[in-house]
């Protein structure tokens, strides 16, 4: 009886790191999807009407200021108390500007560390 020397090789591999990486990737992709949906909602919201209504003297003065900067390439700082509509004004300035095809970046300075 002849023995032909058949060898068997068994390979064991720990896939726990790969599974963790896969789970992290899936979580990151879900976050990207959620942020994309949120951004799309903001884009849709920003394109639905100006949101500016009024006829008071200060309101008309503000509209004149918006008209002054809408065609320039200037950076605009909008100041006001909480709840006065600064973001609505910023959205309008952005929509009227030459940068309207670029994203509008909003920064909440009240939440940033000093």
PDB file of N, CA and C in Angstrom:
ATOM      1  N   UNK A   1       0.828  -1.168   0.000  1.00  0.00           N
ATOM      2  CA  UNK A   1       0.000   0.000   0.000  1.00  0.00           C
ATOM      3  C   UNK A   1       0.881   1.242   0.000  1.00  0.00           C
ATOM      4  N   UNK A   2       0.602   2.157  -0.933  1.00  0.00           N
ATOM      5  CA  UNK A   2       1.410   3.372  -1.058  1.00  0.00           C
ATOM      6  C   UNK A   2       0.650   4.575  -0.479  1.00  0.00           C
ATOM      7  N   UNK A   3       1.403   5.440   0.148  1.00  0.00           N
ATOM      8  CA  UNK A   3       0.848   6.685   0.701  1.00  0.00           C
ATOM      9  C   UNK A   3       1.364   7.836  -0.146  1.00  0.00           C
ATOM     10  N   UNK A   4       0.475   8.653  -0.703  1.00  0.00           N
ATOM     11  CA  UNK A   4       0.877   9.707  -1.627  1.00  0.00           C
ATOM     12  C   UNK A   4       1.125  11.044  -0.944  1.00  0.00           C
ATOM     13  N   UNK A   5       1.102  11.132   0.317  1.00  0.00           N
ATOM     14  CA  UNK A   5       1.458  12.350   1.054  1.00  0.00           C
ATOM     15  C   UNK A   5       0.497  13.519   0.847  1.00  0.00           C
ATOM     16  N   UNK A   6      -0.766  13.287   0.896  1.00  0.00           N
ATOM     17  CA  UNK A   6      -1.757  14.351   0.762  1.00  0.00           C
ATOM     18  C   UNK A   6      -1.718  15.182   2.030  1.00  0.00           C
ATOM     19  N   UNK A   7      -1.539  16.512   1.833  1.00  0.00           N
ATOM     20  CA  UNK A   7      -1.463  17.412   2.985  1.00  0.00           C
ATOM     21  C   UNK A   7      -2.705  18.284   3.035  1.00  0.00           C
ATOM     22  N   UNK A   8      -3.126  18.587   4.217  1.00  0.00           N
ATOM     23  CA  UNK A   8      -4.269  19.459   4.418  1.00  0.00           C
ATOM     24  C   UNK A   8      -3.801  20.694   5.168  1.00  0.00           C
ATOM     25  N   UNK A   9      -4.209  21.864   4.663  1.00  0.00           N
ATOM     26  CA  UNK A   9      -3.872  23.128   5.315  1.00  0.00           C
ATOM     27  C   UNK A   9      -5.173  23.786   5.750  1.00  0.00           C
ATOM     28  N   UNK A  10      -5.256  24.096   7.007  1.00  0.00           N
ATOM     29  CA  UNK A  10      -6.431  24.782   7.533  1.00  0.00           C
ATOM     30  C   UNK A  10      -6.021  26.204   7.908  1.00  0.00           C
ATOM     31  N   UNK A  11      -6.797  27.199   7.462  1.00  0.00           N
ATOM     32  CA  UNK A  11      -6.499  28.601   7.755  1.00  0.00           C
ATOM     33  C   UNK A  11      -7.674  29.168   8.556  1.00  0.00           C
ATOM     34  N   UNK A  12      -7.341  29.682   9.705  1.00  0.00           N
ATOM     35  CA  UNK A  12      -8.342  30.338  10.528  1.00  0.00           C
ATOM     36  C   UNK A  12      -8.004  31.819  10.572  1.00  0.00           C
ATOM     37  N   UNK A  13      -9.023  32.639  10.339  1.00  0.00           N
ATOM     38  CA  UNK A  13      -8.781  34.073  10.334  1.00  0.00           C
ATOM     39  C   UNK A  13      -9.817  34.756  11.217  1.00  0.00           C
ATOM     40  N   UNK A  14      -9.333  35.662  12.060  1.00  0.00           N
ATOM     41  CA  UNK A  14     -10.215  36.426  12.930  1.00  0.00           C
ATOM     42  C   UNK A  14     -10.836  37.550  12.097  1.00  0.00           C
ATOM     43  N   UNK A  15     -12.146  37.504  11.888  1.00  0.00           N
ATOM     44  CA  UNK A  15     -12.828  38.501  11.065  1.00  0.00           C
ATOM     45  C   UNK A  15     -13.540  39.555  11.916  1.00  0.00           C
ATOM     46  N   UNK A  16     -13.279  39.578  13.203  1.00  0.00           N
ATOM     47  CA  UNK A  16     -13.958  40.540  14.066  1.00  0.00           C
ATOM     48  C   UNK A  16     -13.578  41.980  13.706  1.00  0.00           C
ATOM     49  N   UNK A  17     -12.303  42.226  13.351  1.00  0.00           N
ATOM     50  CA  UNK A  17     -11.888  43.574  12.947  1.00  0.00           C
ATOM     51  C   UNK A  17     -12.564  43.983  11.634  1.00  0.00           C
ATOM     52  N   UNK A  18     -12.675  43.037  10.727  1.00  0.00           N
ATOM     53  CA  UNK A  18     -13.336  43.311   9.455  1.00  0.00           C
ATOM     54  C   UNK A  18     -14.823  43.605   9.673  1.00  0.00           C
ATOM     55  N   UNK A  19     -15.452  42.847  10.572  1.00  0.00           N
ATOM     56  CA  UNK A  19     -16.867  43.088  10.879  1.00  0.00           C
ATOM     57  C   UNK A  19     -17.052  44.458  11.519  1.00  0.00           C
ATOM     58  N   UNK A  20     -16.163  44.833  12.424  1.00  0.00           N
ATOM     59  CA  UNK A  20     -16.230  46.150  13.057  1.00  0.00           C
ATOM     60  C   UNK A  20     -16.078  47.254  12.015  1.00  0.00           C
ATOM     61  N   UNK A  21     -15.117  47.088  11.110  1.00  0.00           N
ATOM     62  CA  UNK A  21     -14.914  48.080  10.043  1.00  0.00           C
ATOM     63  C   UNK A  21     -16.148  48.172   9.152  1.00  0.00           C
ATOM     64  N   UNK A  22     -16.754  47.033   8.856  1.00  0.00           N
ATOM     65  CA  UNK A  22     -17.963  47.003   8.033  1.00  0.00           C
ATOM     66  C   UNK A  22     -19.108  47.725   8.741  1.00  0.00           C
ATOM     67  N   UNK A  23     -19.267  47.471  10.034  1.00  0.00           N
ATOM     68  CA  UNK A  23     -20.322  48.145  10.805  1.00  0.00           C
ATOM     69  C   UNK A  23     -20.096  49.650  10.842  1.00  0.00           C
ATOM     70  N   UNK A  24     -18.835  50.060  11.042  1.00  0.00           N
ATOM     71  CA  UNK A  24     -18.516  51.492  11.052  1.00  0.00           C
ATOM     72  C   UNK A  24     -18.801  52.136   9.702  1.00  0.00           C
ATOM     73  N   UNK A  25     -18.482  51.432   8.630  1.00  0.00           N
ATOM     74  CA  UNK A  25     -18.744  51.950   7.289  1.00  0.00           C
ATOM     75  C   UNK A  25     -20.240  52.106   7.051  1.00  0.00           C
ATOM     76  N   UNK A  26     -21.010  51.107   7.468  1.00  0.00           N
ATOM     77  CA  UNK A  26     -22.472  51.194   7.306  1.00  0.00           C
ATOM     78  C   UNK A  26     -23.043  52.369   8.108  1.00  0.00           C
ATOM     79  N   UNK A  27     -22.534  52.585   9.305  1.00  0.00           N
ATOM     80  CA  UNK A  27     -22.996  53.716  10.127  1.00  0.00           C
ATOM     81  C   UNK A  27     -22.629  55.044   9.469  1.00  0.00           C
ATOM     82  N   UNK A  28     -21.421  55.134   8.916  1.00  0.00           N
ATOM     83  CA  UNK A  28     -20.992  56.361   8.245  1.00  0.00           C
ATOM     84  C   UNK A  28     -21.842  56.625   7.003  1.00  0.00           C
ATOM     85  N   UNK A  29     -22.143  55.586   6.243  1.00  0.00           N
ATOM     86  CA  UNK A  29     -22.976  55.751   5.049  1.00  0.00           C
ATOM     87  C   UNK A  29     -24.388  56.200   5.414  1.00  0.00           C
ATOM     88  N   UNK A  30     -24.915  55.684   6.534  1.00  0.00           N
ATOM     89  CA  UNK A  30     -26.237  56.116   6.979  1.00  0.00           C
ATOM     90  C   UNK A  30     -26.205  57.588   7.373  1.00  0.00           C
ATOM     91  N   UNK A  31     -25.133  58.002   8.045  1.00  0.00           N
ATOM     92  CA  UNK A  31     -25.008  59.401   8.437  1.00  0.00           C
ATOM     93  C   UNK A  31     -24.924  60.298   7.206  1.00  0.00           C
ATOM     94  N   UNK A  32     -24.164  59.881   6.203  1.00  0.00           N
ATOM     95  CA  UNK A  32     -24.069  60.656   4.957  1.00  0.00           C
ATOM     96  C   UNK A  32     -25.445  60.757   4.306  1.00  0.00           C
ATOM     97  N   UNK A  33     -26.183  59.655   4.282  1.00  0.00           N
ATOM     98  CA  UNK A  33     -27.525  59.664   3.693  1.00  0.00           C
ATOM     99  C   UNK A  33     -28.433  60.629   4.451  1.00  0.00           C
ATOM    100  N   UNK A  34     -28.400  60.574   5.789  1.00  0.00           N
ATOM    101  CA  UNK A  34     -29.231  61.464   6.601  1.00  0.00           C
ATOM    102  C   UNK A  34     -28.870  62.927   6.371  1.00  0.00           C
ATOM    103  N   UNK A  35     -27.566  63.226   6.324  1.00  0.00           N
ATOM    104  CA  UNK A  35     -27.128  64.606   6.094  1.00  0.00           C
ATOM    105  C   UNK A  35     -27.495  65.078   4.692  1.00  0.00           C
ATOM    106  N   UNK A  36     -27.421  64.178   3.715  1.00  0.00           N
ATOM    107  CA  UNK A  36     -27.806  64.530   2.349  1.00  0.00           C
ATOM    108  C   UNK A  36     -29.286  64.885   2.293  1.00  0.00           C
ATOM    109  N   UNK A  37     -30.115  64.089   2.974  1.00  0.00           N
ATOM    110  CA  UNK A  37     -31.551  64.383   3.019  1.00  0.00           C
ATOM    111  C   UNK A  37     -31.822  65.710   3.717  1.00  0.00           C
ATOM    112  N   UNK A  38     -31.103  65.969   4.800  1.00  0.00           N
ATOM    113  CA  UNK A  38     -31.282  67.240   5.522  1.00  0.00           C
ATOM    114  C   UNK A  38     -30.881  68.416   4.639  1.00  0.00           C
ATOM    115  N   UNK A  39     -29.768  68.272   3.924  1.00  0.00           N
ATOM    116  CA  UNK A  39     -29.319  69.329   3.027  1.00  0.00           C
ATOM    117  C   UNK A  39     -30.336  69.558   1.922  1.00  0.00           C
ATOM    118  N   UNK A  40     -30.886  68.489   1.367  1.00  0.00           N
ATOM    119  CA  UNK A  40     -31.890  68.631   0.310  1.00  0.00           C
ATOM    120  C   UNK A  40     -33.123  69.348   0.843  1.00  0.00           C
ATOM    121  N   UNK A  41     -33.524  69.035   2.077  1.00  0.00           N
ATOM    122  CA  UNK A  41     -34.661  69.721   2.689  1.00  0.00           C
ATOM    123  C   UNK A  41     -34.372  71.213   2.835  1.00  0.00           C
ATOM    124  N   UNK A  42     -33.155  71.557   3.256  1.00  0.00           N
ATOM    125  CA  UNK A  42     -32.792  72.964   3.407  1.00  0.00           C
ATOM    126  C   UNK A  42     -32.761  73.673   2.061  1.00  0.00           C
ATOM    127  N   UNK A  43     -32.280  72.977   1.032  1.00  0.00           N
ATOM    128  CA  UNK A  43     -32.269  73.580  -0.310  1.00  0.00           C
ATOM    129  C   UNK A  43     -33.693  73.832  -0.769  1.00  0.00           C
ATOM    130  N   UNK A  44     -34.570  72.853  -0.575  1.00  0.00           N
ATOM    131  CA  UNK A  44     -35.972  73.030  -0.961  1.00  0.00           C
ATOM    132  C   UNK A  44     -36.628  74.152  -0.179  1.00  0.00           C
ATOM    133  N   UNK A  45     -36.317  74.222   1.117  1.00  0.00           N
ATOM    134  CA  UNK A  45     -36.878  75.264   1.976  1.00  0.00           C
ATOM    135  C   UNK A  45     -36.412  76.642   1.531  1.00  0.00           C
ATOM    136  N   UNK A  46     -35.140  76.741   1.154  1.00  0.00           N
ATOM    137  CA  UNK A  46     -34.591  78.044   0.788  1.00  0.00           C
ATOM    138  C   UNK A  46     -35.113  78.539  -0.549  1.00  0.00           C
ATOM    139  N   UNK A  47     -35.620  77.637  -1.389  1.00  0.00           N
ATOM    140  CA  UNK A  47     -36.090  78.076  -2.698  1.00  0.00           C
ATOM    141  C   UNK A  47     -37.590  78.335  -2.717  1.00  0.00           C
ATOM    142  N   UNK A  48     -38.244  78.180  -1.588  1.00  0.00           N
ATOM    143  CA  UNK A  48     -39.693  78.377  -1.568  1.00  0.00           C
ATOM    144  C   UNK A  48     -40.041  79.733  -0.983  1.00  0.00           C
ATOM    145  N   UNK A  49     -40.075  80.752  -1.817  1.00  0.00           N
ATOM    146  CA  UNK A  49     -40.460  82.091  -1.392  1.00  0.00           C
ATOM    147  C   UNK A  49     -39.369  82.803  -0.627  1.00  0.00           C
ATOM    148  N   UNK A  50     -39.509  84.109  -0.529  1.00  0.00           N
ATOM    149  CA  UNK A  50     -38.456  84.885   0.123  1.00  0.00           C
ATOM    150  C   UNK A  50     -38.591  84.864   1.635  1.00  0.00           C
ATOM    151  N   UNK A  51     -39.805  84.792   2.150  1.00  0.00           N
ATOM    152  CA  UNK A  51     -39.996  84.809   3.585  1.00  0.00           C
ATOM    153  C   UNK A  51     -39.911  86.195   4.188  1.00  0.00           C
ATOM    154  N   UNK A  52     -39.707  87.198   3.345  1.00  0.00           N
ATOM    155  CA  UNK A  52     -39.609  88.575   3.826  1.00  0.00           C
ATOM    156  C   UNK A  52     -40.890  89.323   3.490  1.00  0.00           C
ATOM    157  N   UNK A  53     -41.531  89.838   4.535  1.00  0.00           N
ATOM    158  CA  UNK A  53     -42.736  90.627   4.336  1.00  0.00           C
ATOM    159  C   UNK A  53     -42.737  91.764   5.335  1.00  0.00           C
ATOM    160  N   UNK A  54     -43.105  92.913   4.865  1.00  0.00           N
ATOM    161  CA  UNK A  54     -43.180  94.062   5.754  1.00  0.00           C
ATOM    162  C   UNK A  54     -43.185  95.349   4.971  1.00  0.00           C
ATOM    163  N   UNK A  55     -43.515  96.445   5.654  1.00  0.00           N
ATOM    164  CA  UNK A  55     -43.574  97.729   4.977  1.00  0.00           C
ATOM    165  C   UNK A  55     -43.130  98.864   5.889  1.00  0.00           C
ATOM    166  N   UNK A  56     -42.541  98.525   7.032  1.00  0.00           N
ATOM    167  CA  UNK A  56     -42.121  99.567   7.967  1.00  0.00           C
ATOM    168  C   UNK A  56     -40.871 100.267   7.439  1.00  0.00           C
ATOM    169  N   UNK A  57     -40.573 101.402   8.014  1.00  0.00           N
ATOM    170  CA  UNK A  57     -39.395 102.167   7.591  1.00  0.00           C
ATOM    171  C   UNK A  57     -38.104 101.364   7.798  1.00  0.00           C
ATOM    172  N   UNK A  58     -37.890 100.713   8.977  1.00  0.00           N
ATOM    173  CA  UNK A  58     -36.676  99.897   9.143  1.00  0.00           C
ATOM    174  C   UNK A  58     -36.617  98.721   8.161  1.00  0.00           C
ATOM    175  N   UNK A  59     -37.771  98.132   7.858  1.00  0.00           N
ATOM    176  CA  UNK A  59     -37.805  97.014   6.918  1.00  0.00           C
ATOM    177  C   UNK A  59     -37.408  97.484   5.526  1.00  0.00           C
ATOM    178  N   UNK A  60     -37.940  98.616   5.100  1.00  0.00           N
ATOM    179  CA  UNK A  60     -37.577  99.155   3.772  1.00  0.00           C
ATOM    180  C   UNK A  60     -36.095  99.522   3.725  1.00  0.00           C
ATOM    181  N   UNK A  61     -35.554 100.017   4.835  1.00  0.00           N
ATOM    182  CA  UNK A  61     -34.121 100.333   4.886  1.00  0.00           C
ATOM    183  C   UNK A  61     -33.287  99.062   4.740  1.00  0.00           C
ATOM    184  N   UNK A  62     -33.752  97.980   5.380  1.00  0.00           N
ATOM    185  CA  UNK A  62     -33.044  96.713   5.262  1.00  0.00           C
ATOM    186  C   UNK A  62     -33.090  96.206   3.820  1.00  0.00           C
ATOM    187  N   UNK A  63     -34.231  96.325   3.147  1.00  0.00           N
ATOM    188  CA  UNK A  63     -34.333  95.901   1.747  1.00  0.00           C
ATOM    189  C   UNK A  63     -33.377  96.695   0.856  1.00  0.00           C
ATOM    190  N   UNK A  64     -33.231  97.971   1.144  1.00  0.00           N
ATOM    191  CA  UNK A  64     -32.279  98.792   0.373  1.00  0.00           C
ATOM    192  C   UNK A  64     -30.856  98.281   0.573  1.00  0.00           C
ATOM    193  N   UNK A  65     -30.519  97.900   1.806  1.00  0.00           N
ATOM    194  CA  UNK A  65     -29.188  97.357   2.072  1.00  0.00           C
ATOM    195  C   UNK A  65     -28.981  96.037   1.348  1.00  0.00           C
ATOM    196  N   UNK A  66     -30.009  95.205   1.323  1.00  0.00           N
ATOM    197  CA  UNK A  66     -29.918  93.938   0.587  1.00  0.00           C
ATOM    198  C   UNK A  66     -29.679  94.224  -0.889  1.00  0.00           C
ATOM    199  N   UNK A  67     -30.397  95.190  -1.443  1.00  0.00           N
ATOM    200  CA  UNK A  67     -30.226  95.533  -2.857  1.00  0.00           C
ATOM    201  C   UNK A  67     -28.828  96.071  -3.142  1.00  0.00           C
ATOM    202  N   UNK A  68     -28.225  96.739  -2.167  1.00  0.00           N
ATOM    203  CA  UNK A  68     -26.871  97.277  -2.358  1.00  0.00           C
ATOM    204  C   UNK A  68     -25.833  96.160  -2.472  1.00  0.00           C
ATOM    205  N   UNK A  69     -26.000  95.101  -1.703  1.00  0.00           N
ATOM    206  CA  UNK A  69     -24.972  94.057  -1.677  1.00  0.00           C
ATOM    207  C   UNK A  69     -25.276  92.869  -2.577  1.00  0.00           C
ATOM    208  N   UNK A  70     -26.489  92.777  -3.101  1.00  0.00           N
ATOM    209  CA  UNK A  70     -26.863  91.563  -3.838  1.00  0.00           C
ATOM    210  C   UNK A  70     -26.023  91.321  -5.087  1.00  0.00           C
ATOM    211  N   UNK A  71     -25.532  92.341  -5.729  1.00  0.00           N
ATOM    212  CA  UNK A  71     -24.758  92.157  -6.959  1.00  0.00           C
ATOM    213  C   UNK A  71     -23.250  92.217  -6.732  1.00  0.00           C
ATOM    214  N   UNK A  72     -22.838  92.389  -5.486  1.00  0.00           N
ATOM    215  CA  UNK A  72     -21.403  92.441  -5.195  1.00  0.00           C
ATOM    216  C   UNK A  72     -20.901  91.065  -4.778  1.00  0.00           C
ATOM    217  N   UNK A  73     -19.583  90.948  -4.677  1.00  0.00           N
ATOM    218  CA  UNK A  73     -18.964  89.699  -4.231  1.00  0.00           C
ATOM    219  C   UNK A  73     -18.481  89.857  -2.787  1.00  0.00           C
ATOM    220  N   UNK A  74     -19.170  90.676  -2.037  1.00  0.00           N
ATOM    221  CA  UNK A  74     -18.760  90.985  -0.672  1.00  0.00           C
ATOM    222  C   UNK A  74     -19.291  89.959   0.315  1.00  0.00           C
ATOM    223  N   UNK A  75     -18.565  89.817   1.412  1.00  0.00           N
ATOM    224  CA  UNK A  75     -19.045  89.037   2.542  1.00  0.00           C
ATOM    225  C   UNK A  75     -19.961  89.938   3.357  1.00  0.00           C
ATOM    226  N   UNK A  76     -21.050  89.389   3.852  1.00  0.00           N
ATOM    227  CA  UNK A  76     -22.044  90.189   4.566  1.00  0.00           C
ATOM    228  C   UNK A  76     -22.198  89.643   5.976  1.00  0.00           C
ATOM    229  N   UNK A  77     -22.158  90.531   6.960  1.00  0.00           N
ATOM    230  CA  UNK A  77     -22.411  90.159   8.351  1.00  0.00           C
ATOM    231  C   UNK A  77     -23.798  90.671   8.715  1.00  0.00           C
ATOM    232  N   UNK A  78     -24.644  89.787   9.167  1.00  0.00           N
ATOM    233  CA  UNK A  78     -26.013  90.152   9.524  1.00  0.00           C
ATOM    234  C   UNK A  78     -26.139  90.052  11.035  1.00  0.00           C
ATOM    235  N   UNK A  79     -26.465  91.162  11.664  1.00  0.00           N
ATOM    236  CA  UNK A  79     -26.594  91.220  13.117  1.00  0.00           C
ATOM    237  C   UNK A  79     -28.045  91.443  13.506  1.00  0.00           C
ATOM    238  N   UNK A  80     -28.425  90.941  14.668  1.00  0.00           N
ATOM    239  CA  UNK A  80     -29.775  91.164  15.163  1.00  0.00           C
ATOM    240  C   UNK A  80     -30.036  90.288  16.376  1.00  0.00           C
ATOM    241  N   UNK A  81     -31.083  90.624  17.062  1.00  0.00           N
ATOM    242  CA  UNK A  81     -31.487  89.858  18.232  1.00  0.00           C
ATOM    243  C   UNK A  81     -31.994  88.482  17.811  1.00  0.00           C
ATOM    244  N   UNK A  82     -32.075  87.579  18.779  1.00  0.00           N
ATOM    245  CA  UNK A  82     -32.633  86.250  18.514  1.00  0.00           C
ATOM    246  C   UNK A  82     -34.062  86.380  18.000  1.00  0.00           C
ATOM    247  N   UNK A  83     -34.378  85.591  16.975  1.00  0.00           N
ATOM    248  CA  UNK A  83     -35.742  85.559  16.467  1.00  0.00           C
ATOM    249  C   UNK A  83     -36.116  86.674  15.522  1.00  0.00           C
ATOM    250  N   UNK A  84     -35.142  87.469  15.083  1.00  0.00           N
ATOM    251  CA  UNK A  84     -35.460  88.590  14.196  1.00  0.00           C
ATOM    252  C   UNK A  84     -35.426  88.216  12.718  1.00  0.00           C
ATOM    253  N   UNK A  85     -35.024  86.990  12.396  1.00  0.00           N
ATOM    254  CA  UNK A  85     -35.042  86.564  10.994  1.00  0.00           C
ATOM    255  C   UNK A  85     -33.726  86.742  10.263  1.00  0.00           C
ATOM    256  N   UNK A  86     -32.622  86.715  11.000  1.00  0.00           N
ATOM    257  CA  UNK A  86     -31.313  86.891  10.348  1.00  0.00           C
ATOM    258  C   UNK A  86     -31.059  85.819   9.297  1.00  0.00           C
ATOM    259  N   UNK A  87     -31.450  84.595   9.597  1.00  0.00           N
ATOM    260  CA  UNK A  87     -31.223  83.512   8.636  1.00  0.00           C
ATOM    261  C   UNK A  87     -32.081  83.681   7.384  1.00  0.00           C
ATOM    262  N   UNK A  88     -33.286  84.194   7.541  1.00  0.00           N
ATOM    263  CA  UNK A  88     -34.154  84.444   6.382  1.00  0.00           C
ATOM    264  C   UNK A  88     -33.529  85.526   5.508  1.00  0.00           C
ATOM    265  N   UNK A  89     -33.007  86.556   6.138  1.00  0.00           N
ATOM    266  CA  UNK A  89     -32.333  87.627   5.390  1.00  0.00           C
ATOM    267  C   UNK A  89     -31.094  87.071   4.692  1.00  0.00           C
ATOM    268  N   UNK A  90     -30.320  86.262   5.400  1.00  0.00           N
ATOM    269  CA  UNK A  90     -29.110  85.673   4.807  1.00  0.00           C
ATOM    270  C   UNK A  90     -29.458  84.819   3.599  1.00  0.00           C
ATOM    271  N   UNK A  91     -30.514  84.038   3.705  1.00  0.00           N
ATOM    272  CA  UNK A  91     -30.950  83.187   2.590  1.00  0.00           C
ATOM    273  C   UNK A  91     -31.332  84.038   1.383  1.00  0.00           C
ATOM    274  N   UNK A  92     -32.005  85.175   1.642  1.00  0.00           N
ATOM    275  CA  UNK A  92     -32.394  86.059   0.545  1.00  0.00           C
ATOM    276  C   UNK A  92     -31.194  86.729  -0.099  1.00  0.00           C
ATOM    277  N   UNK A  93     -30.271  87.201   0.719  1.00  0.00           N
ATOM    278  CA  UNK A  93     -29.050  87.800   0.173  1.00  0.00           C
ATOM    279  C   UNK A  93     -28.327  86.776  -0.687  1.00  0.00           C
ATOM    280  N   UNK A  94     -28.237  85.553  -0.196  1.00  0.00           N
ATOM    281  CA  UNK A  94     -27.555  84.496  -0.941  1.00  0.00           C
ATOM    282  C   UNK A  94     -28.271  84.189  -2.260  1.00  0.00           C
ATOM    283  N   UNK A  95     -29.600  84.073  -2.223  1.00  0.00           N
ATOM    284  CA  UNK A  95     -30.361  83.759  -3.437  1.00  0.00           C
ATOM    285  C   UNK A  95     -30.245  84.865  -4.488  1.00  0.00           C
ATOM    286  N   UNK A  96     -30.074  86.102  -4.049  1.00  0.00           N
ATOM    287  CA  UNK A  96     -29.962  87.220  -4.986  1.00  0.00           C
ATOM    288  C   UNK A  96     -28.529  87.439  -5.471  1.00  0.00           C
ATOM    289  N   UNK A  97     -27.576  86.791  -4.815  1.00  0.00           N
ATOM    290  CA  UNK A  97     -26.165  87.028  -5.136  1.00  0.00           C
ATOM    291  C   UNK A  97     -25.702  86.189  -6.321  1.00  0.00           C
ATOM    292  N   UNK A  98     -24.491  86.495  -6.773  1.00  0.00           N
ATOM    293  CA  UNK A  98     -23.881  85.726  -7.863  1.00  0.00           C
ATOM    294  C   UNK A  98     -23.472  84.334  -7.375  1.00  0.00           C
ATOM    295  N   UNK A  99     -23.444  84.125  -6.077  1.00  0.00           N
ATOM    296  CA  UNK A  99     -23.058  82.832  -5.496  1.00  0.00           C
ATOM    297  C   UNK A  99     -24.252  81.920  -5.244  1.00  0.00           C
ATOM    298  N   UNK A 100     -25.413  82.244  -5.777  1.00  0.00           N
ATOM    299  CA  UNK A 100     -26.631  81.499  -5.448  1.00  0.00           C
ATOM    300  C   UNK A 100     -26.565  80.024  -5.844  1.00  0.00           C
ATOM    301  N   UNK A 101     -25.669  79.649  -6.760  1.00  0.00           N
ATOM    302  CA  UNK A 101     -25.531  78.239  -7.120  1.00  0.00           C
ATOM    303  C   UNK A 101     -24.592  77.495  -6.181  1.00  0.00           C
ATOM    304  N   UNK A 102     -23.899  78.222  -5.328  1.00  0.00           N
ATOM    305  CA  UNK A 102     -23.003  77.622  -4.331  1.00  0.00           C
ATOM    306  C   UNK A 102     -23.781  77.393  -3.043  1.00  0.00           C
ATOM    307  N   UNK A 103     -23.278  76.513  -2.188  1.00  0.00           N
ATOM    308  CA  UNK A 103     -23.999  76.270  -0.925  1.00  0.00           C
ATOM    309  C   UNK A 103     -23.923  77.474   0.011  1.00  0.00           C
ATOM    310  N   UNK A 104     -24.971  77.661   0.763  1.00  0.00           N
ATOM    311  CA  UNK A 104     -25.008  78.683   1.810  1.00  0.00           C
ATOM    312  C   UNK A 104     -24.539  78.019   3.098  1.00  0.00           C
ATOM    313  N   UNK A 105     -23.458  78.517   3.670  1.00  0.00           N
ATOM    314  CA  UNK A 105     -22.899  77.938   4.886  1.00  0.00           C
ATOM    315  C   UNK A 105     -23.367  78.777   6.068  1.00  0.00           C
ATOM    316  N   UNK A 106     -24.104  78.132   6.977  1.00  0.00           N
ATOM    317  CA  UNK A 106     -24.618  78.828   8.157  1.00  0.00           C
ATOM    318  C   UNK A 106     -23.754  78.481   9.356  1.00  0.00           C
ATOM    319  N   UNK A 107     -23.384  79.496  10.133  1.00  0.00           N
ATOM    320  CA  UNK A 107     -22.592  79.289  11.340  1.00  0.00           C
ATOM    321  C   UNK A 107     -23.348  79.906  12.508  1.00  0.00           C
ATOM    322  N   UNK A 108     -23.609  79.095  13.529  1.00  0.00           N
ATOM    323  CA  UNK A 108     -24.255  79.591  14.730  1.00  0.00           C
ATOM    324  C   UNK A 108     -23.156  79.961  15.716  1.00  0.00           C
ATOM    325  N   UNK A 109     -22.795  81.239  15.780  1.00  0.00           N
ATOM    326  CA  UNK A 109     -21.690  81.683  16.613  1.00  0.00           C
ATOM    327  C   UNK A 109     -22.013  81.599  18.085  1.00  0.00           C
ATOM    328  N   UNK A 110     -23.280  81.513  18.442  1.00  0.00           N
ATOM    329  CA  UNK A 110     -23.618  81.429  19.868  1.00  0.00           C
ATOM    330  C   UNK A 110     -23.226  80.077  20.452  1.00  0.00           C
ATOM    331  N   UNK A 111     -22.995  79.082  19.611  1.00  0.00           N
ATOM    332  CA  UNK A 111     -22.642  77.760  20.090  1.00  0.00           C
ATOM    333  C   UNK A 111     -21.133  77.495  20.050  1.00  0.00           C
ATOM    334  N   UNK A 112     -20.362  78.423  19.506  1.00  0.00           N
ATOM    335  CA  UNK A 112     -18.922  78.201  19.382  1.00  0.00           C
ATOM    336  C   UNK A 112     -18.226  78.642  20.661  1.00  0.00           C
ATOM    337  N   UNK A 113     -17.158  77.920  21.053  1.00  0.00           N
ATOM    338  CA  UNK A 113     -16.431  78.311  22.268  1.00  0.00           C
ATOM    339  C   UNK A 113     -15.719  79.642  22.085  1.00  0.00           C
ATOM    340  N   UNK A 114     -15.578  80.366  23.157  1.00  0.00           N
ATOM    341  CA  UNK A 114     -14.931  81.678  23.108  1.00  0.00           C
ATOM    342  C   UNK A 114     -13.433  81.546  22.948  1.00  0.00           C
TER     343      UNK A 114
END
